[in-house]
Amino acid sequence: MPAFTKPSAATVSAFERATEGLAGAERRTMFGYPSVFLNGNMLASIFQDRIMVRLSETDRATATAAGAKPFEPMPGRGMKEYVELPATVVSDRRALRQWIERGGDYVRALPAKPKKKAK
């Protein structure tokens, strides 16, 4: 298991700005990092010092052509619908928000996950 490292303040700030005011967003943690869920489905998260987002197949292809990579929290253990956005997108406030919104459009179309009952 790789060591999990803390994200930079710049990454956290970029993620917070990009997800701020997102309709229906629920903030949680995933892998110990800030993340955003819609209807019980994960939309985006920080992982180490990277930002990943869940996208439709078409948007994943577009993002990959623009420099995104399939997201793998561990080598060889990819998360199917998620891409890791390149640093050029993360540092561009408008571009990052646009990818988060495109992901939001996709995630909102997924079936909602029921809330888990408290133990």
PDB file of N, CA and C in Angstrom:
ATOM      1  N   MET A   1       0.843  -1.173   0.000  1.00  0.00           N
ATOM      2  CA  MET A   1       0.000   0.000   0.000  1.00  0.00           C
ATOM      3  C   MET A   1       0.886   1.233   0.000  1.00  0.00           C
ATOM      4  N   PRO A   2       0.662   2.163  -0.955  1.00  0.00           N
ATOM      5  CA  PRO A   2       1.489   3.364  -0.979  1.00  0.00           C
ATOM      6  C   PRO A   2       1.154   4.281   0.189  1.00  0.00           C
ATOM      7  N   ALA A   3       2.132   5.082   0.577  1.00  0.00           N
ATOM      8  CA  ALA A   3       1.902   6.050   1.653  1.00  0.00           C
ATOM      9  C   ALA A   3       1.032   7.177   1.122  1.00  0.00           C
ATOM     10  N   PHE A   4       0.046   7.561   1.892  1.00  0.00           N
ATOM     11  CA  PHE A   4      -0.813   8.667   1.508  1.00  0.00           C
ATOM     12  C   PHE A   4      -0.165   9.952   2.008  1.00  0.00           C
ATOM     13  N   THR A   5      -0.059  10.934   1.126  1.00  0.00           N
ATOM     14  CA  THR A   5       0.555  12.206   1.483  1.00  0.00           C
ATOM     15  C   THR A   5      -0.512  13.294   1.504  1.00  0.00           C
ATOM     16  N   LYS A   6      -0.213  14.367   2.197  1.00  0.00           N
ATOM     17  CA  LYS A   6      -1.157  15.483   2.290  1.00  0.00           C
ATOM     18  C   LYS A   6      -1.133  16.293   1.001  1.00  0.00           C
ATOM     19  N   PRO A   7      -2.301  16.813   0.608  1.00  0.00           N
ATOM     20  CA  PRO A   7      -2.334  17.704  -0.557  1.00  0.00           C
ATOM     21  C   PRO A   7      -1.779  19.076  -0.192  1.00  0.00           C
ATOM     22  N   SER A   8      -1.316  19.787  -1.196  1.00  0.00           N
ATOM     23  CA  SER A   8      -0.844  21.150  -0.956  1.00  0.00           C
ATOM     24  C   SER A   8      -2.037  22.056  -0.663  1.00  0.00           C
ATOM     25  N   ALA A   9      -1.759  23.168  -0.041  1.00  0.00           N
ATOM     26  CA  ALA A   9      -2.817  24.150   0.231  1.00  0.00           C
ATOM     27  C   ALA A   9      -3.421  24.644  -1.076  1.00  0.00           C
ATOM     28  N   ALA A  10      -2.615  24.753  -2.126  1.00  0.00           N
ATOM     29  CA  ALA A  10      -3.109  25.217  -3.424  1.00  0.00           C
ATOM     30  C   ALA A  10      -4.109  24.221  -4.012  1.00  0.00           C
ATOM     31  N   THR A  11      -3.840  22.931  -3.865  1.00  0.00           N
ATOM     32  CA  THR A  11      -4.765  21.912  -4.384  1.00  0.00           C
ATOM     33  C   THR A  11      -6.076  21.950  -3.617  1.00  0.00           C
ATOM     34  N   VAL A  12      -6.004  22.032  -2.306  1.00  0.00           N
ATOM     35  CA  VAL A  12      -7.212  22.085  -1.478  1.00  0.00           C
ATOM     36  C   VAL A  12      -8.024  23.336  -1.825  1.00  0.00           C
ATOM     37  N   SER A  13      -7.362  24.456  -1.964  1.00  0.00           N
ATOM     38  CA  SER A  13      -8.036  25.704  -2.303  1.00  0.00           C
ATOM     39  C   SER A  13      -8.706  25.615  -3.677  1.00  0.00           C
ATOM     40  N   ALA A  14      -7.998  25.063  -4.658  1.00  0.00           N
ATOM     41  CA  ALA A  14      -8.565  24.912  -6.005  1.00  0.00           C
ATOM     42  C   ALA A  14      -9.796  24.018  -5.970  1.00  0.00           C
ATOM     43  N   PHE A  15      -9.733  22.924  -5.214  1.00  0.00           N
ATOM     44  CA  PHE A  15     -10.862  21.998  -5.110  1.00  0.00           C
ATOM     45  C   PHE A  15     -12.052  22.675  -4.438  1.00  0.00           C
ATOM     46  N   GLU A  16     -11.800  23.382  -3.357  1.00  0.00           N
ATOM     47  CA  GLU A  16     -12.873  24.063  -2.638  1.00  0.00           C
ATOM     48  C   GLU A  16     -13.553  25.105  -3.523  1.00  0.00           C
ATOM     49  N   ARG A  17     -12.762  25.894  -4.237  1.00  0.00           N
ATOM     50  CA  ARG A  17     -13.339  26.906  -5.139  1.00  0.00           C
ATOM     51  C   ARG A  17     -14.153  26.247  -6.254  1.00  0.00           C
ATOM     52  N   ALA A  18     -13.640  25.175  -6.823  1.00  0.00           N
ATOM     53  CA  ALA A  18     -14.296  24.519  -7.958  1.00  0.00           C
ATOM     54  C   ALA A  18     -15.594  23.829  -7.568  1.00  0.00           C
ATOM     55  N   THR A  19     -15.724  23.435  -6.315  1.00  0.00           N
ATOM     56  CA  THR A  19     -16.923  22.718  -5.877  1.00  0.00           C
ATOM     57  C   THR A  19     -17.869  23.588  -5.060  1.00  0.00           C
ATOM     58  N   GLU A  20     -17.460  24.810  -4.763  1.00  0.00           N
ATOM     59  CA  GLU A  20     -18.271  25.727  -3.973  1.00  0.00           C
ATOM     60  C   GLU A  20     -19.579  26.055  -4.699  1.00  0.00           C
ATOM     61  N   GLY A  21     -20.681  25.969  -3.968  1.00  0.00           N
ATOM     62  CA  GLY A  21     -21.979  26.328  -4.531  1.00  0.00           C
ATOM     63  C   GLY A  21     -22.544  25.335  -5.527  1.00  0.00           C
ATOM     64  N   LEU A  22     -21.946  24.166  -5.633  1.00  0.00           N
ATOM     65  CA  LEU A  22     -22.425  23.145  -6.561  1.00  0.00           C
ATOM     66  C   LEU A  22     -23.759  22.602  -6.056  1.00  0.00           C
ATOM     67  N   ALA A  23     -24.792  22.744  -6.863  1.00  0.00           N
ATOM     68  CA  ALA A  23     -26.151  22.357  -6.460  1.00  0.00           C
ATOM     69  C   ALA A  23     -26.217  20.891  -6.032  1.00  0.00           C
ATOM     70  N   GLY A  24     -26.723  20.667  -4.815  1.00  0.00           N
ATOM     71  CA  GLY A  24     -26.927  19.315  -4.305  1.00  0.00           C
ATOM     72  C   GLY A  24     -25.681  18.618  -3.792  1.00  0.00           C
ATOM     73  N   ALA A  25     -24.570  19.323  -3.758  1.00  0.00           N
ATOM     74  CA  ALA A  25     -23.302  18.706  -3.350  1.00  0.00           C
ATOM     75  C   ALA A  25     -23.271  18.419  -1.851  1.00  0.00           C
ATOM     76  N   GLU A  26     -22.744  17.255  -1.529  1.00  0.00           N
ATOM     77  CA  GLU A  26     -22.523  16.864  -0.140  1.00  0.00           C
ATOM     78  C   GLU A  26     -21.026  16.632   0.034  1.00  0.00           C
ATOM     79  N   ARG A  27     -20.438  17.347   0.974  1.00  0.00           N
ATOM     80  CA  ARG A  27     -18.997  17.191   1.228  1.00  0.00           C
ATOM     81  C   ARG A  27     -18.772  16.023   2.185  1.00  0.00           C
ATOM     82  N   ARG A  28     -17.830  15.183   1.825  1.00  0.00           N
ATOM     83  CA  ARG A  28     -17.427  14.041   2.650  1.00  0.00           C
ATOM     84  C   ARG A  28     -15.919  13.869   2.505  1.00  0.00           C
ATOM     85  N   THR A  29     -15.412  12.812   3.105  1.00  0.00           N
ATOM     86  CA  THR A  29     -14.020  12.448   2.866  1.00  0.00           C
ATOM     87  C   THR A  29     -13.982  11.076   2.204  1.00  0.00           C
ATOM     88  N   MET A  30     -13.014  10.901   1.318  1.00  0.00           N
ATOM     89  CA  MET A  30     -12.763   9.623   0.658  1.00  0.00           C
ATOM     90  C   MET A  30     -11.265   9.422   0.693  1.00  0.00           C
ATOM     91  N   PHE A  31     -10.824   8.286   1.144  1.00  0.00           N
ATOM     92  CA  PHE A  31      -9.392   8.004   1.328  1.00  0.00           C
ATOM     93  C   PHE A  31      -8.763   9.007   2.298  1.00  0.00           C
ATOM     94  N   GLY A  32      -9.587   9.656   3.124  1.00  0.00           N
ATOM     95  CA  GLY A  32      -9.085  10.651   4.062  1.00  0.00           C
ATOM     96  C   GLY A  32      -8.909  12.036   3.452  1.00  0.00           C
ATOM     97  N   TYR A  33      -9.374  12.224   2.224  1.00  0.00           N
ATOM     98  CA  TYR A  33      -9.238  13.499   1.520  1.00  0.00           C
ATOM     99  C   TYR A  33     -10.616  14.120   1.275  1.00  0.00           C
ATOM    100  N   PRO A  34     -10.664  15.450   1.090  1.00  0.00           N
ATOM    101  CA  PRO A  34     -11.946  16.095   0.781  1.00  0.00           C
ATOM    102  C   PRO A  34     -12.536  15.544  -0.513  1.00  0.00           C
ATOM    103  N   SER A  35     -13.848  15.346  -0.514  1.00  0.00           N
ATOM    104  CA  SER A  35     -14.538  14.882  -1.715  1.00  0.00           C
ATOM    105  C   SER A  35     -15.935  15.478  -1.755  1.00  0.00           C
ATOM    106  N   VAL A  36     -16.576  15.337  -2.908  1.00  0.00           N
ATOM    107  CA  VAL A  36     -17.921  15.850  -3.110  1.00  0.00           C
ATOM    108  C   VAL A  36     -18.766  14.737  -3.720  1.00  0.00           C
ATOM    109  N   PHE A  37     -19.966  14.563  -3.157  1.00  0.00           N
ATOM    110  CA  PHE A  37     -20.915  13.555  -3.624  1.00  0.00           C
ATOM    111  C   PHE A  37     -22.194  14.238  -4.079  1.00  0.00           C
ATOM    112  N   LEU A  38     -22.872  13.637  -5.046  1.00  0.00           N
ATOM    113  CA  LEU A  38     -24.194  14.062  -5.488  1.00  0.00           C
ATOM    114  C   LEU A  38     -25.098  12.839  -5.459  1.00  0.00           C
ATOM    115  N   ASN A  39     -26.233  12.945  -4.803  1.00  0.00           N
ATOM    116  CA  ASN A  39     -27.188  11.828  -4.715  1.00  0.00           C
ATOM    117  C   ASN A  39     -26.530  10.529  -4.229  1.00  0.00           C
ATOM    118  N   GLY A  40     -25.557  10.659  -3.349  1.00  0.00           N
ATOM    119  CA  GLY A  40     -24.882   9.485  -2.798  1.00  0.00           C
ATOM    120  C   GLY A  40     -23.761   8.934  -3.660  1.00  0.00           C
ATOM    121  N   ASN A  41     -23.535   9.513  -4.829  1.00  0.00           N
ATOM    122  CA  ASN A  41     -22.476   9.063  -5.740  1.00  0.00           C
ATOM    123  C   ASN A  41     -21.312  10.048  -5.707  1.00  0.00           C
ATOM    124  N   MET A  42     -20.095   9.525  -5.636  1.00  0.00           N
ATOM    125  CA  MET A  42     -18.932  10.400  -5.613  1.00  0.00           C
ATOM    126  C   MET A  42     -18.764  11.084  -6.969  1.00  0.00           C
ATOM    127  N   LEU A  43     -18.549  12.378  -6.929  1.00  0.00           N
ATOM    128  CA  LEU A  43     -18.309  13.182  -8.123  1.00  0.00           C
ATOM    129  C   LEU A  43     -16.826  13.478  -8.282  1.00  0.00           C
ATOM    130  N   ALA A  44     -16.199  13.981  -7.236  1.00  0.00           N
ATOM    131  CA  ALA A  44     -14.805  14.412  -7.330  1.00  0.00           C
ATOM    132  C   ALA A  44     -14.149  14.322  -5.966  1.00  0.00           C
ATOM    133  N   SER A  45     -12.821  14.215  -5.996  1.00  0.00           N
ATOM    134  CA  SER A  45     -12.077  14.112  -4.752  1.00  0.00           C
ATOM    135  C   SER A  45     -10.643  14.548  -4.975  1.00  0.00           C
ATOM    136  N   ILE A  46     -10.021  14.929  -3.887  1.00  0.00           N
ATOM    137  CA  ILE A  46      -8.572  15.107  -3.874  1.00  0.00           C
ATOM    138  C   ILE A  46      -7.995  13.744  -3.513  1.00  0.00           C
ATOM    139  N   PHE A  47      -6.864  13.419  -4.099  1.00  0.00           N
ATOM    140  CA  PHE A  47      -6.118  12.224  -3.703  1.00  0.00           C
ATOM    141  C   PHE A  47      -4.651  12.608  -3.734  1.00  0.00           C
ATOM    142  N   GLN A  48      -4.002  12.570  -2.584  1.00  0.00           N
ATOM    143  CA  GLN A  48      -2.652  13.066  -2.402  1.00  0.00           C
ATOM    144  C   GLN A  48      -2.628  14.521  -2.857  1.00  0.00           C
ATOM    145  N   ASP A  49      -1.915  14.858  -3.920  1.00  0.00           N
ATOM    146  CA  ASP A  49      -1.908  16.249  -4.378  1.00  0.00           C
ATOM    147  C   ASP A  49      -2.533  16.353  -5.766  1.00  0.00           C
ATOM    148  N   ARG A  50      -3.515  15.492  -6.022  1.00  0.00           N
ATOM    149  CA  ARG A  50      -4.167  15.439  -7.331  1.00  0.00           C
ATOM    150  C   ARG A  50      -5.676  15.584  -7.155  1.00  0.00           C
ATOM    151  N   ILE A  51      -6.345  16.001  -8.208  1.00  0.00           N
ATOM    152  CA  ILE A  51      -7.807  16.080  -8.196  1.00  0.00           C
ATOM    153  C   ILE A  51      -8.330  15.125  -9.254  1.00  0.00           C
ATOM    154  N   MET A  52      -9.288  14.311  -8.838  1.00  0.00           N
ATOM    155  CA  MET A  52      -9.919  13.390  -9.784  1.00  0.00           C
ATOM    156  C   MET A  52     -11.399  13.672  -9.834  1.00  0.00           C
ATOM    157  N   VAL A  53     -11.999  13.378 -11.004  1.00  0.00           N
ATOM    158  CA  VAL A  53     -13.416  13.643 -11.221  1.00  0.00           C
ATOM    159  C   VAL A  53     -14.033  12.484 -12.002  1.00  0.00           C
ATOM    160  N   ARG A  54     -15.298  12.212 -11.715  1.00  0.00           N
ATOM    161  CA  ARG A  54     -16.048  11.158 -12.397  1.00  0.00           C
ATOM    162  C   ARG A  54     -16.716  11.759 -13.627  1.00  0.00           C
ATOM    163  N   LEU A  55     -16.480  11.142 -14.784  1.00  0.00           N
ATOM    164  CA  LEU A  55     -16.992  11.670 -16.045  1.00  0.00           C
ATOM    165  C   LEU A  55     -17.664  10.586 -16.877  1.00  0.00           C
ATOM    166  N   SER A  56     -18.515  11.032 -17.793  1.00  0.00           N
ATOM    167  CA  SER A  56     -19.116  10.119 -18.758  1.00  0.00           C
ATOM    168  C   SER A  56     -18.019   9.574 -19.672  1.00  0.00           C
ATOM    169  N   GLU A  57     -18.331   8.530 -20.394  1.00  0.00           N
ATOM    170  CA  GLU A  57     -17.347   7.938 -21.310  1.00  0.00           C
ATOM    171  C   GLU A  57     -16.848   8.965 -22.326  1.00  0.00           C
ATOM    172  N   THR A  58     -17.760   9.735 -22.887  1.00  0.00           N
ATOM    173  CA  THR A  58     -17.385  10.749 -23.877  1.00  0.00           C
ATOM    174  C   THR A  58     -16.492  11.815 -23.252  1.00  0.00           C
ATOM    175  N   ASP A  59     -16.868  12.298 -22.072  1.00  0.00           N
ATOM    176  CA  ASP A  59     -16.057  13.320 -21.411  1.00  0.00           C
ATOM    177  C   ASP A  59     -14.706  12.770 -20.963  1.00  0.00           C
ATOM    178  N   ARG A  60     -14.654  11.497 -20.571  1.00  0.00           N
ATOM    179  CA  ARG A  60     -13.358  10.890 -20.213  1.00  0.00           C
ATOM    180  C   ARG A  60     -12.430  10.894 -21.421  1.00  0.00           C
ATOM    181  N   ALA A  61     -12.958  10.563 -22.583  1.00  0.00           N
ATOM    182  CA  ALA A  61     -12.141  10.563 -23.801  1.00  0.00           C
ATOM    183  C   ALA A  61     -11.634  11.973 -24.105  1.00  0.00           C
ATOM    184  N   THR A  62     -12.508  12.963 -23.964  1.00  0.00           N
ATOM    185  CA  THR A  62     -12.120  14.355 -24.203  1.00  0.00           C
ATOM    186  C   THR A  62     -11.062  14.795 -23.196  1.00  0.00           C
ATOM    187  N   ALA A  63     -11.279  14.464 -21.932  1.00  0.00           N
ATOM    188  CA  ALA A  63     -10.324  14.842 -20.880  1.00  0.00           C
ATOM    189  C   ALA A  63      -8.978  14.164 -21.095  1.00  0.00           C
ATOM    190  N   THR A  64      -9.005  12.911 -21.484  1.00  0.00           N
ATOM    191  CA  THR A  64      -7.765  12.168 -21.726  1.00  0.00           C
ATOM    192  C   THR A  64      -6.994  12.794 -22.885  1.00  0.00           C
ATOM    193  N   ALA A  65      -7.703  13.179 -23.921  1.00  0.00           N
ATOM    194  CA  ALA A  65      -7.056  13.841 -25.060  1.00  0.00           C
ATOM    195  C   ALA A  65      -6.437  15.173 -24.649  1.00  0.00           C
ATOM    196  N   ALA A  66      -6.979  15.780 -23.589  1.00  0.00           N
ATOM    197  CA  ALA A  66      -6.466  17.064 -23.095  1.00  0.00           C
ATOM    198  C   ALA A  66      -5.426  16.897 -21.985  1.00  0.00           C
ATOM    199  N   GLY A  67      -5.004  15.653 -21.713  1.00  0.00           N
ATOM    200  CA  GLY A  67      -3.931  15.436 -20.737  1.00  0.00           C
ATOM    201  C   GLY A  67      -4.317  14.738 -19.453  1.00  0.00           C
ATOM    202  N   ALA A  68      -5.601  14.446 -19.246  1.00  0.00           N
ATOM    203  CA  ALA A  68      -6.008  13.711 -18.040  1.00  0.00           C
ATOM    204  C   ALA A  68      -5.553  12.257 -18.157  1.00  0.00           C
ATOM    205  N   LYS A  69      -5.447  11.593 -17.001  1.00  0.00           N
ATOM    206  CA  LYS A  69      -5.058  10.182 -16.959  1.00  0.00           C
ATOM    207  C   LYS A  69      -6.127   9.404 -16.210  1.00  0.00           C
ATOM    208  N   PRO A  70      -6.284   8.119 -16.546  1.00  0.00           N
ATOM    209  CA  PRO A  70      -7.195   7.304 -15.732  1.00  0.00           C
ATOM    210  C   PRO A  70      -6.729   7.357 -14.280  1.00  0.00           C
ATOM    211  N   PHE A  71      -7.663   7.462 -13.358  1.00  0.00           N
ATOM    212  CA  PHE A  71      -7.313   7.580 -11.945  1.00  0.00           C
ATOM    213  C   PHE A  71      -7.060   6.203 -11.351  1.00  0.00           C
ATOM    214  N   GLU A  72      -5.901   6.048 -10.735  1.00  0.00           N
ATOM    215  CA  GLU A  72      -5.520   4.821 -10.046  1.00  0.00           C
ATOM    216  C   GLU A  72      -5.022   5.182  -8.654  1.00  0.00           C
ATOM    217  N   PRO A  73      -5.806   4.900  -7.601  1.00  0.00           N
ATOM    218  CA  PRO A  73      -5.301   5.193  -6.259  1.00  0.00           C
ATOM    219  C   PRO A  73      -4.079   4.345  -5.912  1.00  0.00           C
ATOM    220  N   MET A  74      -3.987   3.168  -6.518  1.00  0.00           N
ATOM    221  CA  MET A  74      -2.818   2.295  -6.409  1.00  0.00           C
ATOM    222  C   MET A  74      -2.523   1.778  -7.810  1.00  0.00           C
ATOM    223  N   PRO A  75      -1.257   1.622  -8.163  1.00  0.00           N
ATOM    224  CA  PRO A  75      -0.937   1.134  -9.504  1.00  0.00           C
ATOM    225  C   PRO A  75      -1.701  -0.159  -9.835  1.00  0.00           C
ATOM    226  N   GLY A  76      -2.326  -0.157 -11.003  1.00  0.00           N
ATOM    227  CA  GLY A  76      -3.073  -1.328 -11.438  1.00  0.00           C
ATOM    228  C   GLY A  76      -4.470  -1.435 -10.843  1.00  0.00           C
ATOM    229  N   ARG A  77      -4.873  -0.471 -10.019  1.00  0.00           N
ATOM    230  CA  ARG A  77      -6.192  -0.494  -9.366  1.00  0.00           C
ATOM    231  C   ARG A  77      -6.989   0.748  -9.769  1.00  0.00           C
ATOM    232  N   GLY A  78      -7.269   0.850 -11.046  1.00  0.00           N
ATOM    233  CA  GLY A  78      -7.975   2.019 -11.561  1.00  0.00           C
ATOM    234  C   GLY A  78      -9.427   2.070 -11.130  1.00  0.00           C
ATOM    235  N   MET A  79      -9.930   3.271 -11.018  1.00  0.00           N
ATOM    236  CA  MET A  79     -11.350   3.499 -10.754  1.00  0.00           C
ATOM    237  C   MET A  79     -11.970   3.869 -12.102  1.00  0.00           C
ATOM    238  N   LYS A  80     -12.800   2.989 -12.597  1.00  0.00           N
ATOM    239  CA  LYS A  80     -13.292   2.972 -13.969  1.00  0.00           C
ATOM    240  C   LYS A  80     -13.746   4.313 -14.552  1.00  0.00           C
ATOM    241  N   GLU A  81     -14.572   5.049 -13.888  1.00  0.00           N
ATOM    242  CA  GLU A  81     -15.153   6.255 -14.477  1.00  0.00           C
ATOM    243  C   GLU A  81     -14.448   7.548 -14.071  1.00  0.00           C
ATOM    244  N   TYR A  82     -13.306   7.440 -13.450  1.00  0.00           N
ATOM    245  CA  TYR A  82     -12.627   8.620 -12.901  1.00  0.00           C
ATOM    246  C   TYR A  82     -11.335   8.922 -13.649  1.00  0.00           C
ATOM    247  N   VAL A  83     -11.074  10.211 -13.798  1.00  0.00           N
ATOM    248  CA  VAL A  83      -9.803  10.644 -14.371  1.00  0.00           C
ATOM    249  C   VAL A  83      -9.122  11.600 -13.404  1.00  0.00           C
ATOM    250  N   GLU A  84      -7.815  11.588 -13.464  1.00  0.00           N
ATOM    251  CA  GLU A  84      -6.986  12.531 -12.722  1.00  0.00           C
ATOM    252  C   GLU A  84      -6.725  13.710 -13.645  1.00  0.00           C
ATOM    253  N   LEU A  85      -7.148  14.878 -13.231  1.00  0.00           N
ATOM    254  CA  LEU A  85      -6.993  16.056 -14.073  1.00  0.00           C
ATOM    255  C   LEU A  85      -5.548  16.536 -14.061  1.00  0.00           C
ATOM    256  N   PRO A  86      -5.062  17.021 -15.211  1.00  0.00           N
ATOM    257  CA  PRO A  86      -3.678  17.505 -15.258  1.00  0.00           C
ATOM    258  C   PRO A  86      -3.508  18.794 -14.464  1.00  0.00           C
ATOM    259  N   ALA A  87      -2.285  19.074 -14.067  1.00  0.00           N
ATOM    260  CA  ALA A  87      -1.974  20.273 -13.271  1.00  0.00           C
ATOM    261  C   ALA A  87      -2.406  21.547 -13.986  1.00  0.00           C
ATOM    262  N   THR A  88      -2.352  21.565 -15.315  1.00  0.00           N
ATOM    263  CA  THR A  88      -2.766  22.762 -16.057  1.00  0.00           C
ATOM    264  C   THR A  88      -4.248  23.059 -15.850  1.00  0.00           C
ATOM    265  N   VAL A  89      -5.066  22.033 -15.681  1.00  0.00           N
ATOM    266  CA  VAL A  89      -6.494  22.229 -15.412  1.00  0.00           C
ATOM    267  C   VAL A  89      -6.700  22.631 -13.961  1.00  0.00           C
ATOM    268  N   VAL A  90      -6.024  21.957 -13.050  1.00  0.00           N
ATOM    269  CA  VAL A  90      -6.173  22.249 -11.625  1.00  0.00           C
ATOM    270  C   VAL A  90      -5.804  23.695 -11.320  1.00  0.00           C
ATOM    271  N   SER A  91      -4.814  24.229 -12.012  1.00  0.00           N
ATOM    272  CA  SER A  91      -4.374  25.603 -11.756  1.00  0.00           C
ATOM    273  C   SER A  91      -5.217  26.645 -12.489  1.00  0.00           C
ATOM    274  N   ASP A  92      -6.138  26.209 -13.337  1.00  0.00           N
ATOM    275  CA  ASP A  92      -7.004  27.118 -14.086  1.00  0.00           C
ATOM    276  C   ASP A  92      -8.402  27.061 -13.482  1.00  0.00           C
ATOM    277  N   ARG A  93      -8.744  28.055 -12.709  1.00  0.00           N
ATOM    278  CA  ARG A  93      -9.999  28.076 -11.949  1.00  0.00           C
ATOM    279  C   ARG A  93     -11.215  27.769 -12.826  1.00  0.00           C
ATOM    280  N   ARG A  94     -11.325  28.421 -13.953  1.00  0.00           N
ATOM    281  CA  ARG A  94     -12.473  28.236 -14.840  1.00  0.00           C
ATOM    282  C   ARG A  94     -12.494  26.817 -15.442  1.00  0.00           C
ATOM    283  N   ALA A  95     -11.362  26.336 -15.905  1.00  0.00           N
ATOM    284  CA  ALA A  95     -11.297  24.996 -16.511  1.00  0.00           C
ATOM    285  C   ALA A  95     -11.650  23.916 -15.488  1.00  0.00           C
ATOM    286  N   LEU A  96     -11.135  24.050 -14.271  1.00  0.00           N
ATOM    287  CA  LEU A  96     -11.429  23.061 -13.238  1.00  0.00           C
ATOM    288  C   LEU A  96     -12.922  23.052 -12.926  1.00  0.00           C
ATOM    289  N   ARG A  97     -13.520  24.207 -12.785  1.00  0.00           N
ATOM    290  CA  ARG A  97     -14.952  24.280 -12.504  1.00  0.00           C
ATOM    291  C   ARG A  97     -15.758  23.657 -13.651  1.00  0.00           C
ATOM    292  N   GLN A  98     -15.345  23.889 -14.880  1.00  0.00           N
ATOM    293  CA  GLN A  98     -16.055  23.312 -16.025  1.00  0.00           C
ATOM    294  C   GLN A  98     -16.010  21.785 -15.995  1.00  0.00           C
ATOM    295  N   TRP A  99     -14.867  21.204 -15.658  1.00  0.00           N
ATOM    296  CA  TRP A  99     -14.782  19.738 -15.581  1.00  0.00           C
ATOM    297  C   TRP A  99     -15.614  19.205 -14.420  1.00  0.00           C
ATOM    298  N   ILE A 100     -15.615  19.908 -13.299  1.00  0.00           N
ATOM    299  CA  ILE A 100     -16.447  19.500 -12.167  1.00  0.00           C
ATOM    300  C   ILE A 100     -17.924  19.549 -12.575  1.00  0.00           C
ATOM    301  N   GLU A 101     -18.330  20.587 -13.271  1.00  0.00           N
ATOM    302  CA  GLU A 101     -19.721  20.699 -13.710  1.00  0.00           C
ATOM    303  C   GLU A 101     -20.089  19.621 -14.725  1.00  0.00           C
ATOM    304  N   ARG A 102     -19.178  19.297 -15.642  1.00  0.00           N
ATOM    305  CA  ARG A 102     -19.447  18.218 -16.602  1.00  0.00           C
ATOM    306  C   ARG A 102     -19.602  16.895 -15.854  1.00  0.00           C
ATOM    307  N   GLY A 103     -18.755  16.680 -14.876  1.00  0.00           N
ATOM    308  CA  GLY A 103     -18.889  15.485 -14.048  1.00  0.00           C
ATOM    309  C   GLY A 103     -20.205  15.489 -13.286  1.00  0.00           C
ATOM    310  N   GLY A 104     -20.593  16.655 -12.786  1.00  0.00           N
ATOM    311  CA  GLY A 104     -21.857  16.777 -12.065  1.00  0.00           C
ATOM    312  C   GLY A 104     -23.042  16.420 -12.938  1.00  0.00           C
ATOM    313  N   ASP A 105     -23.018  16.839 -14.192  1.00  0.00           N
ATOM    314  CA  ASP A 105     -24.099  16.491 -15.121  1.00  0.00           C
ATOM    315  C   ASP A 105     -24.211  14.973 -15.257  1.00  0.00           C
ATOM    316  N   TYR A 106     -23.064  14.312 -15.357  1.00  0.00           N
ATOM    317  CA  TYR A 106     -23.056  12.851 -15.488  1.00  0.00           C
ATOM    318  C   TYR A 106     -23.535  12.177 -14.199  1.00  0.00           C
ATOM    319  N   VAL A 107     -23.008  12.596 -13.069  1.00  0.00           N
ATOM    320  CA  VAL A 107     -23.331  11.951 -11.794  1.00  0.00           C
ATOM    321  C   VAL A 107     -24.801  12.167 -11.422  1.00  0.00           C
ATOM    322  N   ARG A 108     -25.341  13.325 -11.742  1.00  0.00           N
ATOM    323  CA  ARG A 108     -26.772  13.562 -11.459  1.00  0.00           C
ATOM    324  C   ARG A 108     -27.673  12.609 -12.245  1.00  0.00           C
ATOM    325  N   ALA A 109     -27.208  12.128 -13.385  1.00  0.00           N
ATOM    326  CA  ALA A 109     -27.998  11.222 -14.218  1.00  0.00           C
ATOM    327  C   ALA A 109     -27.931   9.769 -13.717  1.00  0.00           C
ATOM    328  N   LEU A 110     -27.026   9.484 -12.780  1.00  0.00           N
ATOM    329  CA  LEU A 110     -26.899   8.130 -12.229  1.00  0.00           C
ATOM    330  C   LEU A 110     -28.001   7.884 -11.205  1.00  0.00           C
ATOM    331  N   PRO A 111     -28.359   6.616 -10.996  1.00  0.00           N
ATOM    332  CA  PRO A 111     -29.341   6.326  -9.935  1.00  0.00           C
ATOM    333  C   PRO A 111     -28.789   6.770  -8.575  1.00  0.00           C
ATOM    334  N   ALA A 112     -29.643   7.370  -7.776  1.00  0.00           N
ATOM    335  CA  ALA A 112     -29.230   7.802  -6.440  1.00  0.00           C
ATOM    336  C   ALA A 112     -28.941   6.586  -5.574  1.00  0.00           C
ATOM    337  N   LYS A 113     -27.934   6.709  -4.731  1.00  0.00           N
ATOM    338  CA  LYS A 113     -27.621   5.644  -3.781  1.00  0.00           C
ATOM    339  C   LYS A 113     -28.376   5.927  -2.490  1.00  0.00           C
ATOM    340  N   PRO A 114     -29.010   4.896  -1.927  1.00  0.00           N
ATOM    341  CA  PRO A 114     -29.723   5.120  -0.652  1.00  0.00           C
ATOM    342  C   PRO A 114     -28.737   5.429   0.463  1.00  0.00           C
ATOM    343  N   LYS A 115     -29.192   6.233   1.405  1.00  0.00           N
ATOM    344  CA  LYS A 115     -28.360   6.547   2.563  1.00  0.00           C
ATOM    345  C   LYS A 115     -28.227   5.306   3.429  1.00  0.00           C
ATOM    346  N   LYS A 116     -27.029   5.116   3.968  1.00  0.00           N
ATOM    347  CA  LYS A 116     -26.799   3.982   4.863  1.00  0.00           C
ATOM    348  C   LYS A 116     -27.392   4.278   6.228  1.00  0.00           C
ATOM    349  N   LYS A 117     -27.936   3.244   6.833  1.00  0.00           N
ATOM    350  CA  LYS A 117     -28.511   3.412   8.167  1.00  0.00           C
ATOM    351  C   LYS A 117     -27.404   3.483   9.209  1.00  0.00           C
ATOM    352  N   ALA A 118     -27.600   4.328  10.198  1.00  0.00           N
ATOM    353  CA  ALA A 118     -26.619   4.453  11.281  1.00  0.00           C
ATOM    354  C   ALA A 118     -26.633   3.176  12.113  1.00  0.00           C
ATOM    355  N   LYS A 119     -25.450   2.801  12.575  1.00  0.00           N
ATOM    356  CA  LYS A 119     -25.332   1.580  13.384  1.00  0.00           C
ATOM    357  C   LYS A 119     -25.678   1.844  14.815  1.00  0.00           C
TER     358      LYS A 119
END
